[in-house]
Amino acid sequence: MENLTTVEEIVQRLEKLTPWQQKQILNSVLSFLGEPVRGTPGKELLKFVGLFPPEDIEQIKQAIEEDCGKIDKSEW
């Protein structure tokens, strides 16, 4: 690339990313700066209410409670 400042080069490369990728980069920058990362508004999530049967939700919750946080050191 020609003699660009770091910010100019970042902008050029960001423009080549998808909107979703750009959002991920923005969230990373906000995190680096100690600023709150903006999530998805609750109104947008309402469309998912009732998508899964209650039995499936209960199985998912149980799997999370039982398995999350466990570390298998032999996998590393």
PDB file of N, CA and C in Angstrom:
ATOM      1  N   MET A   1       0.836  -1.186   0.000  1.00  0.00           N
ATOM      2  CA  MET A   1       0.000   0.000   0.000  1.00  0.00           C
ATOM      3  C   MET A   1       0.880   1.249   0.000  1.00  0.00           C
ATOM      4  N   GLU A   2       0.309   2.297  -0.531  1.00  0.00           N
ATOM      5  CA  GLU A   2       1.061   3.554  -0.542  1.00  0.00           C
ATOM      6  C   GLU A   2       1.276   4.055   0.882  1.00  0.00           C
ATOM      7  N   ASN A   3       1.835   5.205   1.043  1.00  0.00           N
ATOM      8  CA  ASN A   3       2.140   5.755   2.363  1.00  0.00           C
ATOM      9  C   ASN A   3       0.867   6.229   3.064  1.00  0.00           C
ATOM     10  N   LEU A   4       0.193   5.315   3.696  1.00  0.00           N
ATOM     11  CA  LEU A   4      -1.029   5.639   4.423  1.00  0.00           C
ATOM     12  C   LEU A   4      -0.748   5.695   5.912  1.00  0.00           C
ATOM     13  N   THR A   5      -1.536   6.496   6.601  1.00  0.00           N
ATOM     14  CA  THR A   5      -1.449   6.433   8.058  1.00  0.00           C
ATOM     15  C   THR A   5      -2.094   5.126   8.491  1.00  0.00           C
ATOM     16  N   THR A   6      -1.851   4.739   9.689  1.00  0.00           N
ATOM     17  CA  THR A   6      -2.445   3.510  10.204  1.00  0.00           C
ATOM     18  C   THR A   6      -3.963   3.574  10.153  1.00  0.00           C
ATOM     19  N   VAL A   7      -4.529   4.691  10.532  1.00  0.00           N
ATOM     20  CA  VAL A   7      -5.985   4.847  10.525  1.00  0.00           C
ATOM     21  C   VAL A   7      -6.528   4.720   9.102  1.00  0.00           C
ATOM     22  N   GLU A   8      -5.854   5.317   8.136  1.00  0.00           N
ATOM     23  CA  GLU A   8      -6.302   5.223   6.741  1.00  0.00           C
ATOM     24  C   GLU A   8      -6.260   3.780   6.249  1.00  0.00           C
ATOM     25  N   GLU A   9      -5.213   3.069   6.617  1.00  0.00           N
ATOM     26  CA  GLU A   9      -5.108   1.676   6.192  1.00  0.00           C
ATOM     27  C   GLU A   9      -6.203   0.827   6.835  1.00  0.00           C
ATOM     28  N   ILE A  10      -6.471   1.081   8.107  1.00  0.00           N
ATOM     29  CA  ILE A  10      -7.541   0.350   8.795  1.00  0.00           C
ATOM     30  C   ILE A  10      -8.872   0.593   8.095  1.00  0.00           C
ATOM     31  N   VAL A  11      -9.165   1.843   7.773  1.00  0.00           N
ATOM     32  CA  VAL A  11     -10.425   2.183   7.109  1.00  0.00           C
ATOM     33  C   VAL A  11     -10.521   1.489   5.753  1.00  0.00           C
ATOM     34  N   GLN A  12      -9.460   1.504   4.995  1.00  0.00           N
ATOM     35  CA  GLN A  12      -9.478   0.841   3.681  1.00  0.00           C
ATOM     36  C   GLN A  12      -9.781  -0.646   3.816  1.00  0.00           C
ATOM     37  N   ARG A  13      -9.171  -1.263   4.784  1.00  0.00           N
ATOM     38  CA  ARG A  13      -9.384  -2.699   4.965  1.00  0.00           C
ATOM     39  C   ARG A  13     -10.769  -2.993   5.534  1.00  0.00           C
ATOM     40  N   LEU A  14     -11.254  -2.141   6.435  1.00  0.00           N
ATOM     41  CA  LEU A  14     -12.593  -2.324   6.989  1.00  0.00           C
ATOM     42  C   LEU A  14     -13.666  -2.262   5.912  1.00  0.00           C
ATOM     43  N   GLU A  15     -13.457  -1.402   4.928  1.00  0.00           N
ATOM     44  CA  GLU A  15     -14.444  -1.253   3.854  1.00  0.00           C
ATOM     45  C   GLU A  15     -14.600  -2.526   3.025  1.00  0.00           C
ATOM     46  N   LYS A  16     -13.631  -3.425   3.099  1.00  0.00           N
ATOM     47  CA  LYS A  16     -13.693  -4.682   2.344  1.00  0.00           C
ATOM     48  C   LYS A  16     -14.440  -5.783   3.100  1.00  0.00           C
ATOM     49  N   LEU A  17     -14.714  -5.542   4.379  1.00  0.00           N
ATOM     50  CA  LEU A  17     -15.377  -6.541   5.208  1.00  0.00           C
ATOM     51  C   LEU A  17     -16.892  -6.449   5.073  1.00  0.00           C
ATOM     52  N   THR A  18     -17.554  -7.539   5.436  1.00  0.00           N
ATOM     53  CA  THR A  18     -19.023  -7.539   5.459  1.00  0.00           C
ATOM     54  C   THR A  18     -19.488  -6.670   6.626  1.00  0.00           C
ATOM     55  N   PRO A  19     -20.740  -6.217   6.602  1.00  0.00           N
ATOM     56  CA  PRO A  19     -21.251  -5.446   7.742  1.00  0.00           C
ATOM     57  C   PRO A  19     -21.132  -6.210   9.066  1.00  0.00           C
ATOM     58  N   TRP A  20     -21.371  -7.515   9.047  1.00  0.00           N
ATOM     59  CA  TRP A  20     -21.254  -8.307  10.267  1.00  0.00           C
ATOM     60  C   TRP A  20     -19.820  -8.292  10.780  1.00  0.00           C
ATOM     61  N   GLN A  21     -18.841  -8.440   9.881  1.00  0.00           N
ATOM     62  CA  GLN A  21     -17.430  -8.413  10.281  1.00  0.00           C
ATOM     63  C   GLN A  21     -17.057  -7.038  10.816  1.00  0.00           C
ATOM     64  N   GLN A  22     -17.561  -5.985  10.193  1.00  0.00           N
ATOM     65  CA  GLN A  22     -17.293  -4.633  10.665  1.00  0.00           C
ATOM     66  C   GLN A  22     -17.826  -4.439  12.079  1.00  0.00           C
ATOM     67  N   LYS A  23     -19.014  -4.999  12.360  1.00  0.00           N
ATOM     68  CA  LYS A  23     -19.604  -4.886  13.693  1.00  0.00           C
ATOM     69  C   LYS A  23     -18.744  -5.607  14.725  1.00  0.00           C
ATOM     70  N   GLN A  24     -18.192  -6.747  14.348  1.00  0.00           N
ATOM     71  CA  GLN A  24     -17.322  -7.489  15.263  1.00  0.00           C
ATOM     72  C   GLN A  24     -16.064  -6.675  15.594  1.00  0.00           C
ATOM     73  N   ILE A  25     -15.505  -6.028  14.586  1.00  0.00           N
ATOM     74  CA  ILE A  25     -14.325  -5.178  14.799  1.00  0.00           C
ATOM     75  C   ILE A  25     -14.685  -4.008  15.710  1.00  0.00           C
ATOM     76  N   LEU A  26     -15.832  -3.382  15.458  1.00  0.00           N
ATOM     77  CA  LEU A  26     -16.270  -2.264  16.302  1.00  0.00           C
ATOM     78  C   LEU A  26     -16.409  -2.714  17.752  1.00  0.00           C
ATOM     79  N   ASN A  27     -17.015  -3.869  17.967  1.00  0.00           N
ATOM     80  CA  ASN A  27     -17.168  -4.374  19.334  1.00  0.00           C
ATOM     81  C   ASN A  27     -15.809  -4.616  19.991  1.00  0.00           C
ATOM     82  N   SER A  28     -14.847  -5.093  19.234  1.00  0.00           N
ATOM     83  CA  SER A  28     -13.502  -5.301  19.775  1.00  0.00           C
ATOM     84  C   SER A  28     -12.864  -3.975  20.162  1.00  0.00           C
ATOM     85  N   VAL A  29     -12.996  -2.977  19.315  1.00  0.00           N
ATOM     86  CA  VAL A  29     -12.431  -1.652  19.605  1.00  0.00           C
ATOM     87  C   VAL A  29     -13.078  -1.075  20.862  1.00  0.00           C
ATOM     88  N   LEU A  30     -14.412  -1.180  20.956  1.00  0.00           N
ATOM     89  CA  LEU A  30     -15.104  -0.675  22.144  1.00  0.00           C
ATOM     90  C   LEU A  30     -14.607  -1.383  23.398  1.00  0.00           C
ATOM     91  N   SER A  31     -14.398  -2.681  23.281  1.00  0.00           N
ATOM     92  CA  SER A  31     -13.898  -3.454  24.416  1.00  0.00           C
ATOM     93  C   SER A  31     -12.497  -2.992  24.817  1.00  0.00           C
ATOM     94  N   PHE A  32     -11.615  -2.772  23.827  1.00  0.00           N
ATOM     95  CA  PHE A  32     -10.263  -2.283  24.110  1.00  0.00           C
ATOM     96  C   PHE A  32     -10.304  -0.950  24.845  1.00  0.00           C
ATOM     97  N   LEU A  33     -11.271  -0.119  24.495  1.00  0.00           N
ATOM     98  CA  LEU A  33     -11.386   1.208  25.092  1.00  0.00           C
ATOM     99  C   LEU A  33     -12.119   1.193  26.432  1.00  0.00           C
ATOM    100  N   GLY A  34     -12.616   0.031  26.819  1.00  0.00           N
ATOM    101  CA  GLY A  34     -13.347  -0.067  28.079  1.00  0.00           C
ATOM    102  C   GLY A  34     -14.745   0.512  27.990  1.00  0.00           C
ATOM    103  N   GLU A  35     -15.248   0.639  26.783  1.00  0.00           N
ATOM    104  CA  GLU A  35     -16.596   1.173  26.580  1.00  0.00           C
ATOM    105  C   GLU A  35     -17.574   0.011  26.437  1.00  0.00           C
ATOM    106  N   PRO A  36     -18.823   0.254  26.804  1.00  0.00           N
ATOM    107  CA  PRO A  36     -19.792  -0.840  26.702  1.00  0.00           C
ATOM    108  C   PRO A  36     -20.023  -1.252  25.246  1.00  0.00           C
ATOM    109  N   VAL A  37     -20.124  -2.560  25.056  1.00  0.00           N
ATOM    110  CA  VAL A  37     -20.421  -3.096  23.731  1.00  0.00           C
ATOM    111  C   VAL A  37     -21.933  -3.128  23.595  1.00  0.00           C
ATOM    112  N   ARG A  38     -22.426  -2.570  22.506  1.00  0.00           N
ATOM    113  CA  ARG A  38     -23.867  -2.517  22.277  1.00  0.00           C
ATOM    114  C   ARG A  38     -24.333  -3.842  21.684  1.00  0.00           C
ATOM    115  N   GLY A  39     -25.279  -4.463  22.359  1.00  0.00           N
ATOM    116  CA  GLY A  39     -25.814  -5.738  21.891  1.00  0.00           C
ATOM    117  C   GLY A  39     -27.064  -5.550  21.053  1.00  0.00           C
ATOM    118  N   THR A  40     -27.752  -6.641  20.851  1.00  0.00           N
ATOM    119  CA  THR A  40     -28.989  -6.626  20.084  1.00  0.00           C
ATOM    120  C   THR A  40     -30.121  -6.162  20.989  1.00  0.00           C
ATOM    121  N   PRO A  41     -30.897  -5.172  20.542  1.00  0.00           N
ATOM    122  CA  PRO A  41     -32.028  -4.714  21.356  1.00  0.00           C
ATOM    123  C   PRO A  41     -33.023  -5.861  21.583  1.00  0.00           C
ATOM    124  N   GLY A  42     -33.604  -5.906  22.761  1.00  0.00           N
ATOM    125  CA  GLY A  42     -34.550  -6.957  23.105  1.00  0.00           C
ATOM    126  C   GLY A  42     -35.712  -7.069  22.134  1.00  0.00           C
ATOM    127  N   LYS A  43     -36.168  -5.942  21.593  1.00  0.00           N
ATOM    128  CA  LYS A  43     -37.288  -5.970  20.647  1.00  0.00           C
ATOM    129  C   LYS A  43     -36.976  -6.848  19.440  1.00  0.00           C
ATOM    130  N   GLU A  44     -35.717  -6.849  19.023  1.00  0.00           N
ATOM    131  CA  GLU A  44     -35.327  -7.662  17.869  1.00  0.00           C
ATOM    132  C   GLU A  44     -35.288  -9.149  18.204  1.00  0.00           C
ATOM    133  N   LEU A  45     -35.152  -9.489  19.471  1.00  0.00           N
ATOM    134  CA  LEU A  45     -35.079 -10.885  19.887  1.00  0.00           C
ATOM    135  C   LEU A  45     -36.451 -11.513  20.108  1.00  0.00           C
ATOM    136  N   LEU A  46     -37.487 -10.686  20.210  1.00  0.00           N
ATOM    137  CA  LEU A  46     -38.829 -11.200  20.473  1.00  0.00           C
ATOM    138  C   LEU A  46     -39.316 -12.161  19.398  1.00  0.00           C
ATOM    139  N   LYS A  47     -38.801 -12.028  18.181  1.00  0.00           N
ATOM    140  CA  LYS A  47     -39.236 -12.919  17.109  1.00  0.00           C
ATOM    141  C   LYS A  47     -38.840 -14.376  17.365  1.00  0.00           C
ATOM    142  N   PHE A  48     -37.930 -14.616  18.310  1.00  0.00           N
ATOM    143  CA  PHE A  48     -37.481 -15.968  18.604  1.00  0.00           C
ATOM    144  C   PHE A  48     -38.266 -16.628  19.735  1.00  0.00           C
ATOM    145  N   VAL A  49     -39.138 -15.864  20.393  1.00  0.00           N
ATOM    146  CA  VAL A  49     -39.923 -16.419  21.492  1.00  0.00           C
ATOM    147  C   VAL A  49     -40.813 -17.536  20.942  1.00  0.00           C
ATOM    148  N   GLY A  50     -40.764 -18.680  21.602  1.00  0.00           N
ATOM    149  CA  GLY A  50     -41.590 -19.814  21.200  1.00  0.00           C
ATOM    150  C   GLY A  50     -41.020 -20.637  20.063  1.00  0.00           C
ATOM    151  N   LEU A  51     -39.847 -20.291  19.586  1.00  0.00           N
ATOM    152  CA  LEU A  51     -39.236 -21.008  18.467  1.00  0.00           C
ATOM    153  C   LEU A  51     -38.870 -22.442  18.850  1.00  0.00           C
ATOM    154  N   PHE A  52     -38.452 -22.641  20.103  1.00  0.00           N
ATOM    155  CA  PHE A  52     -38.064 -23.965  20.579  1.00  0.00           C
ATOM    156  C   PHE A  52     -39.105 -24.471  21.563  1.00  0.00           C
ATOM    157  N   PRO A  53     -39.403 -25.770  21.512  1.00  0.00           N
ATOM    158  CA  PRO A  53     -40.321 -26.333  22.505  1.00  0.00           C
ATOM    159  C   PRO A  53     -39.708 -26.238  23.906  1.00  0.00           C
ATOM    160  N   PRO A  54     -40.540 -26.079  24.933  1.00  0.00           N
ATOM    161  CA  PRO A  54     -40.026 -25.953  26.307  1.00  0.00           C
ATOM    162  C   PRO A  54     -39.122 -27.114  26.719  1.00  0.00           C
ATOM    163  N   GLU A  55     -39.401 -28.320  26.219  1.00  0.00           N
ATOM    164  CA  GLU A  55     -38.568 -29.477  26.580  1.00  0.00           C
ATOM    165  C   GLU A  55     -37.137 -29.287  26.058  1.00  0.00           C
ATOM    166  N   ASP A  56     -37.017 -28.773  24.839  1.00  0.00           N
ATOM    167  CA  ASP A  56     -35.685 -28.537  24.272  1.00  0.00           C
ATOM    168  C   ASP A  56     -34.936 -27.479  25.073  1.00  0.00           C
ATOM    169  N   ILE A  57     -35.642 -26.436  25.457  1.00  0.00           N
ATOM    170  CA  ILE A  57     -35.021 -25.357  26.243  1.00  0.00           C
ATOM    171  C   ILE A  57     -34.503 -25.925  27.564  1.00  0.00           C
ATOM    172  N   GLU A  58     -35.290 -26.801  28.192  1.00  0.00           N
ATOM    173  CA  GLU A  58     -34.871 -27.394  29.460  1.00  0.00           C
ATOM    174  C   GLU A  58     -33.618 -28.247  29.275  1.00  0.00           C
ATOM    175  N   GLN A  59     -33.544 -28.993  28.171  1.00  0.00           N
ATOM    176  CA  GLN A  59     -32.352 -29.805  27.893  1.00  0.00           C
ATOM    177  C   GLN A  59     -31.128 -28.920  27.657  1.00  0.00           C
ATOM    178  N   ILE A  60     -31.317 -27.834  26.963  1.00  0.00           N
ATOM    179  CA  ILE A  60     -30.216 -26.898  26.700  1.00  0.00           C
ATOM    180  C   ILE A  60     -29.722 -26.294  28.015  1.00  0.00           C
ATOM    181  N   LYS A  61     -30.663 -25.834  28.847  1.00  0.00           N
ATOM    182  CA  LYS A  61     -30.282 -25.257  30.143  1.00  0.00           C
ATOM    183  C   LYS A  61     -29.511 -26.266  30.992  1.00  0.00           C
ATOM    184  N   GLN A  62     -29.974 -27.506  31.011  1.00  0.00           N
ATOM    185  CA  GLN A  62     -29.320 -28.540  31.806  1.00  0.00           C
ATOM    186  C   GLN A  62     -27.911 -28.808  31.283  1.00  0.00           C
ATOM    187  N   ALA A  63     -27.757 -28.877  29.966  1.00  0.00           N
ATOM    188  CA  ALA A  63     -26.430 -29.116  29.384  1.00  0.00           C
ATOM    189  C   ALA A  63     -25.477 -27.974  29.724  1.00  0.00           C
ATOM    190  N   ILE A  64     -25.966 -26.758  29.674  1.00  0.00           N
ATOM    191  CA  ILE A  64     -25.132 -25.596  30.002  1.00  0.00           C
ATOM    192  C   ILE A  64     -24.693 -25.658  31.462  1.00  0.00           C
ATOM    193  N   GLU A  65     -25.649 -25.927  32.349  1.00  0.00           N
ATOM    194  CA  GLU A  65     -25.334 -25.973  33.778  1.00  0.00           C
ATOM    195  C   GLU A  65     -24.343 -27.090  34.101  1.00  0.00           C
ATOM    196  N   GLU A  66     -24.479 -28.229  33.424  1.00  0.00           N
ATOM    197  CA  GLU A  66     -23.625 -29.379  33.731  1.00  0.00           C
ATOM    198  C   GLU A  66     -22.241 -29.281  33.092  1.00  0.00           C
ATOM    199  N   ASP A  67     -22.166 -28.746  31.889  1.00  0.00           N
ATOM    200  CA  ASP A  67     -20.932 -28.854  31.121  1.00  0.00           C
ATOM    201  C   ASP A  67     -20.129 -27.566  30.971  1.00  0.00           C
ATOM    202  N   CYS A  68     -20.755 -26.423  31.069  1.00  0.00           N
ATOM    203  CA  CYS A  68     -20.005 -25.180  30.887  1.00  0.00           C
ATOM    204  C   CYS A  68     -19.092 -24.942  32.084  1.00  0.00           C
ATOM    205  N   GLY A  69     -17.913 -24.511  31.797  1.00  0.00           N
ATOM    206  CA  GLY A  69     -16.947 -24.242  32.852  1.00  0.00           C
ATOM    207  C   GLY A  69     -16.043 -25.405  33.167  1.00  0.00           C
ATOM    208  N   LYS A  70     -16.370 -26.577  32.609  1.00  0.00           N
ATOM    209  CA  LYS A  70     -15.498 -27.730  32.799  1.00  0.00           C
ATOM    210  C   LYS A  70     -14.364 -27.660  31.799  1.00  0.00           C
ATOM    211  N   ILE A  71     -13.164 -27.961  32.265  1.00  0.00           N
ATOM    212  CA  ILE A  71     -11.996 -27.920  31.398  1.00  0.00           C
ATOM    213  C   ILE A  71     -11.379 -29.303  31.358  1.00  0.00           C
ATOM    214  N   ASP A  72     -11.177 -29.816  30.146  1.00  0.00           N
ATOM    215  CA  ASP A  72     -10.490 -31.083  29.961  1.00  0.00           C
ATOM    216  C   ASP A  72      -9.081 -30.752  29.518  1.00  0.00           C
ATOM    217  N   LYS A  73      -8.132 -30.789  30.442  1.00  0.00           N
ATOM    218  CA  LYS A  73      -6.761 -30.380  30.149  1.00  0.00           C
ATOM    219  C   LYS A  73      -6.096 -31.268  29.101  1.00  0.00           C
ATOM    220  N   SER A  74      -6.587 -32.505  28.937  1.00  0.00           N
ATOM    221  CA  SER A  74      -5.994 -33.388  27.933  1.00  0.00           C
ATOM    222  C   SER A  74      -6.367 -32.988  26.513  1.00  0.00           C
ATOM    223  N   GLU A  75      -7.371 -32.108  26.365  1.00  0.00           N
ATOM    224  CA  GLU A  75      -7.742 -31.641  25.027  1.00  0.00           C
ATOM    225  C   GLU A  75      -6.810 -30.561  24.503  1.00  0.00           C
ATOM    226  N   TRP A  76      -5.999 -29.996  25.358  1.00  0.00           N
ATOM    227  CA  TRP A  76      -5.101 -28.927  24.927  1.00  0.00           C
ATOM    228  C   TRP A  76      -3.860 -29.517  24.454  1.00  0.00           C
TER     229      TRP A  76
END
